Amino acid sequence: MKTYHSRISFLISFFLVLSVLVSCTNFQRAINTKKLNVPEKPVDNFLVLFVEYGDEITVLDEEHYNKALKGKFNNLEHQRFRDNMSDVSWNIFSPTLAFDYRRIFDTHKEYSFADFQKGLDQPNLEYVLLINMKNNDALGEVLRRNFQVFLFDKNQEDPLWTGFGYYNPGNLNQKGTARRLLNRIKKDLIADGLIMS
């Protein structure tokens, strides 16, 4: 009987520790989201782009492109994480069509704003989902990362939607990290009525 109770106690302790560890490595839903310009119909396609930029991206114009995206949305530094996002985004966002940036833009090539806009001129591509890693700070041995996400109509400078506060201390180079981040973004886009589930 004593062995049975000790096994039960061990299993309960194990699952409590495991749930704490899992909650520490999962992305949480955004702290804040805001719909700025709601499209007439749900968004059914977008190009997923990822950058690391510490300041605000308030509009997608030439000035902000040159500061925040030029040479960063396709750089080598975060290529593995970006590729992981591209690999899983088509499945996560389905039925929304998630375009793979690798089919449009070359890696580690600098594009002018005009060339970037030409790249967006693809059949059935109307929107850009821009994921910005704002913080990548060390807190002891753990990295603190906050992500801000924007949904843009490719023909408008102002975002349709933004979400801030996706947080994860996990390893960016693991495919599971990209999957968790995109799943949280999807939940917020659905909750705010921008995409269909």
Protein backbone atom coordinates (compact mmCIF):
# COMPACT_ATOMS: atom_id res chain seq x y z
CA MET A 1 0.00 0.00 0.00
CA LYS A 2 2.85 2.35 0.89
CA THR A 3 4.50 1.74 -2.49
CA TYR A 4 1.23 2.50 -4.28
CA HIS A 5 0.85 5.86 -2.48
CA SER A 6 4.47 6.80 -3.11
CA ARG A 7 4.02 6.06 -6.83
CA ILE A 8 0.86 8.17 -6.94
CA SER A 9 2.65 11.01 -5.13
CA PHE A 10 5.56 10.73 -7.54
CA LEU A 11 3.25 10.82 -10.58
CA ILE A 12 1.35 13.83 -9.27
CA SER A 13 4.62 15.66 -8.57
CA PHE A 14 5.97 14.71 -11.97
CA PHE A 15 2.90 16.03 -13.81
CA LEU A 16 2.88 19.26 -11.79
CA VAL A 17 6.54 19.92 -12.62
CA LEU A 18 5.93 19.00 -16.25
CA SER A 19 2.95 21.36 -16.54
CA VAL A 20 5.00 24.21 -15.04
CA LEU A 21 7.82 23.57 -17.52
CA VAL A 22 5.43 23.41 -20.46
CA SER A 23 3.72 26.65 -19.46
CA CYS A 24 7.11 28.37 -19.27
CA THR A 25 8.02 27.42 -22.83
CA ASN A 26 4.72 28.07 -24.58
CA PHE A 27 3.76 31.27 -26.29
CA GLN A 28 0.89 32.98 -24.58
CA ARG A 29 -1.86 34.74 -26.46
CA ALA A 30 -1.15 38.39 -27.12
CA ILE A 31 -1.35 40.82 -24.24
CA ASN A 32 -3.12 43.30 -26.52
CA THR A 33 -4.63 43.15 -29.99
CA LYS A 34 -6.26 45.91 -31.97
CA LYS A 35 -8.27 45.95 -35.17
CA LEU A 36 -7.46 49.15 -37.00
CA ASN A 37 -9.01 48.76 -40.47
CA VAL A 38 -11.30 45.78 -40.87
CA PRO A 39 -11.52 44.36 -44.40
CA GLU A 40 -14.95 43.77 -45.93
CA LYS A 41 -14.42 39.99 -46.05
CA PRO A 42 -12.19 37.69 -43.96
CA VAL A 43 -8.55 37.60 -45.00
CA ASP A 44 -7.93 34.41 -46.98
CA ASN A 45 -4.24 34.83 -47.89
CA PHE A 46 -1.03 36.49 -46.72
CA LEU A 47 2.72 36.36 -46.99
CA VAL A 48 4.39 35.54 -43.66
CA LEU A 49 7.47 37.69 -42.99
CA PHE A 50 9.72 37.72 -39.90
CA VAL A 51 12.15 40.42 -38.76
CA GLU A 52 14.00 41.43 -35.61
CA TYR A 53 13.61 45.17 -35.08
CA GLY A 54 13.57 46.96 -31.73
CA ASP A 55 11.39 49.97 -32.57
CA GLU A 56 7.75 50.35 -33.55
CA ILE A 57 6.59 49.56 -37.07
CA THR A 58 3.56 51.80 -37.38
CA VAL A 59 3.18 51.77 -41.16
CA LEU A 60 4.54 49.80 -44.10
CA ASP A 61 5.93 52.66 -46.16
CA GLU A 62 9.35 53.17 -47.73
CA GLU A 63 10.84 54.80 -44.62
CA HIS A 64 9.77 51.99 -42.29
CA TYR A 65 10.70 49.36 -44.88
CA ASN A 66 14.23 50.76 -45.10
CA LYS A 67 14.59 50.85 -41.30
CA ALA A 68 12.84 47.65 -40.25
CA LEU A 69 12.66 45.21 -43.16
CA LYS A 70 15.35 45.95 -45.74
CA GLY A 71 18.06 43.32 -45.43
CA LYS A 72 16.30 41.77 -42.40
CA PHE A 73 13.21 39.91 -43.63
CA ASN A 74 15.39 37.47 -45.62
CA ASN A 75 18.74 37.63 -43.80
CA LEU A 76 20.88 34.68 -42.78
CA GLU A 77 20.75 35.46 -39.06
CA HIS A 78 17.21 34.15 -38.55
CA GLN A 79 16.90 32.00 -41.67
CA ARG A 80 16.33 28.76 -39.79
CA PHE A 81 13.46 30.17 -37.70
CA ARG A 82 11.98 31.89 -40.75
CA ASP A 83 12.20 28.65 -42.75
CA ASN A 84 10.56 26.74 -39.89
CA MET A 85 7.69 29.25 -39.92
CA SER A 86 7.34 28.87 -43.68
CA ASP A 87 7.34 25.08 -43.39
CA VAL A 88 4.46 24.98 -40.89
CA SER A 89 2.43 28.11 -41.71
CA TRP A 90 0.54 26.67 -44.69
CA ASN A 91 -0.86 23.92 -42.45
CA ILE A 92 -1.51 26.07 -39.37
CA PHE A 93 -3.40 28.84 -41.14
CA SER A 94 -5.40 26.60 -43.49
CA PRO A 95 -7.89 27.42 -45.04
CA THR A 96 -6.10 30.79 -45.19
CA LEU A 97 -3.37 30.58 -47.83
CA ALA A 98 0.02 31.38 -46.25
CA PHE A 99 2.57 32.27 -48.93
CA ASP A 100 6.17 31.07 -48.48
CA TYR A 101 8.58 34.03 -48.67
CA ARG A 102 11.22 31.71 -50.21
CA ARG A 103 9.17 31.39 -53.38
CA ILE A 104 9.20 35.16 -53.86
CA PHE A 105 12.41 36.52 -52.33
CA ASP A 106 15.97 35.19 -52.33
CA THR A 107 17.75 34.69 -49.02
CA HIS A 108 20.41 37.23 -48.06
CA LYS A 109 19.64 39.59 -50.92
CA GLU A 110 18.84 43.24 -50.35
CA TYR A 111 15.69 44.51 -52.05
CA SER A 112 14.78 48.14 -52.62
CA PHE A 113 11.27 49.17 -51.55
CA ALA A 114 10.19 49.16 -55.21
CA ASP A 115 11.56 45.63 -55.71
CA PHE A 116 9.90 44.50 -52.48
CA GLN A 117 6.55 45.82 -53.74
CA LYS A 118 7.10 44.07 -57.08
CA GLY A 119 7.67 40.84 -55.15
CA LEU A 120 4.32 41.30 -53.43
CA ASP A 121 2.62 41.58 -56.81
CA GLN A 122 1.73 37.86 -56.91
CA PRO A 123 -1.56 36.31 -58.03
CA ASN A 124 -3.88 35.78 -55.04
CA LEU A 125 -1.54 37.61 -52.62
CA GLU A 126 -3.32 40.53 -50.97
CA TYR A 127 -1.94 40.71 -47.42
CA VAL A 128 1.30 40.59 -45.42
CA LEU A 129 1.54 39.07 -41.93
CA LEU A 130 4.63 40.72 -40.45
CA ILE A 131 6.07 39.17 -37.28
CA ASN A 132 8.58 41.40 -35.49
CA MET A 133 10.77 40.13 -32.65
CA LYS A 134 11.11 43.32 -30.61
CA ASN A 135 13.15 42.05 -27.66
CA ASN A 136 15.83 39.42 -27.56
CA ASP A 137 17.28 40.20 -24.12
CA ALA A 138 19.03 37.83 -21.74
CA LEU A 139 17.56 37.49 -18.25
CA GLY A 140 20.21 35.38 -16.58
CA GLU A 141 20.47 32.26 -18.70
CA VAL A 142 17.07 32.70 -20.34
CA LEU A 143 16.35 34.86 -23.39
CA ARG A 144 13.29 37.10 -23.15
CA ARG A 145 11.59 37.52 -26.51
CA ASN A 146 8.53 39.62 -27.24
CA PHE A 147 6.87 39.60 -30.62
CA GLN A 148 4.62 42.18 -32.21
CA VAL A 149 2.55 41.08 -35.19
CA PHE A 150 0.98 43.19 -37.92
CA LEU A 151 -1.46 42.33 -40.68
CA PHE A 152 -1.15 44.67 -43.66
CA ASP A 153 -3.07 44.99 -46.89
CA LYS A 154 -0.20 45.06 -49.40
CA ASN A 155 -1.70 48.17 -51.02
CA GLN A 156 -2.11 50.18 -47.80
CA GLU A 157 0.50 51.67 -45.48
CA ASP A 158 -1.52 51.34 -42.26
CA PRO A 159 -1.99 47.92 -40.64
CA LEU A 160 -5.39 46.24 -40.51
CA TRP A 161 -4.56 44.58 -37.19
CA THR A 162 -1.77 44.35 -34.64
CA GLY A 163 -1.06 42.14 -31.66
CA PHE A 164 1.66 42.56 -29.04
CA GLY A 165 2.97 40.43 -26.22
CA TYR A 166 3.61 37.00 -27.70
CA TYR A 167 6.38 35.85 -25.39
CA ASN A 168 8.63 32.79 -25.40
CA PRO A 169 12.02 32.01 -23.93
CA GLY A 170 12.40 28.86 -26.08
CA ASN A 171 14.95 28.02 -28.75
CA LEU A 172 14.12 29.86 -31.98
CA ASN A 173 15.78 27.18 -34.09
CA GLN A 174 13.28 24.48 -33.14
CA LYS A 175 10.30 23.96 -35.41
CA GLY A 176 8.00 23.63 -32.38
CA THR A 177 8.75 27.23 -31.40
CA ALA A 178 7.57 28.50 -34.79
CA ARG A 179 4.49 26.27 -34.62
CA ARG A 180 3.48 27.53 -31.16
CA LEU A 181 3.95 31.18 -32.13
CA LEU A 182 1.89 30.83 -35.32
CA ASN A 183 -0.87 28.91 -33.51
CA ARG A 184 -1.21 31.75 -30.97
CA ILE A 185 -1.30 34.35 -33.73
CA LYS A 186 -3.96 32.32 -35.55
CA LYS A 187 -6.14 32.15 -32.42
CA ASP A 188 -6.02 35.93 -32.05
CA LEU A 189 -6.74 36.56 -35.74
CA ILE A 190 -9.76 34.25 -35.51
CA ALA A 191 -10.95 35.81 -32.22
CA ASP A 192 -10.76 39.27 -33.79
CA GLY A 193 -12.69 38.09 -36.88
CA LEU A 194 -9.92 38.64 -39.42
CA ILE A 195 -9.51 35.05 -40.63
CA MET A 196 -11.76 32.01 -40.62
CA SER A 197 -11.00 28.88 -38.61
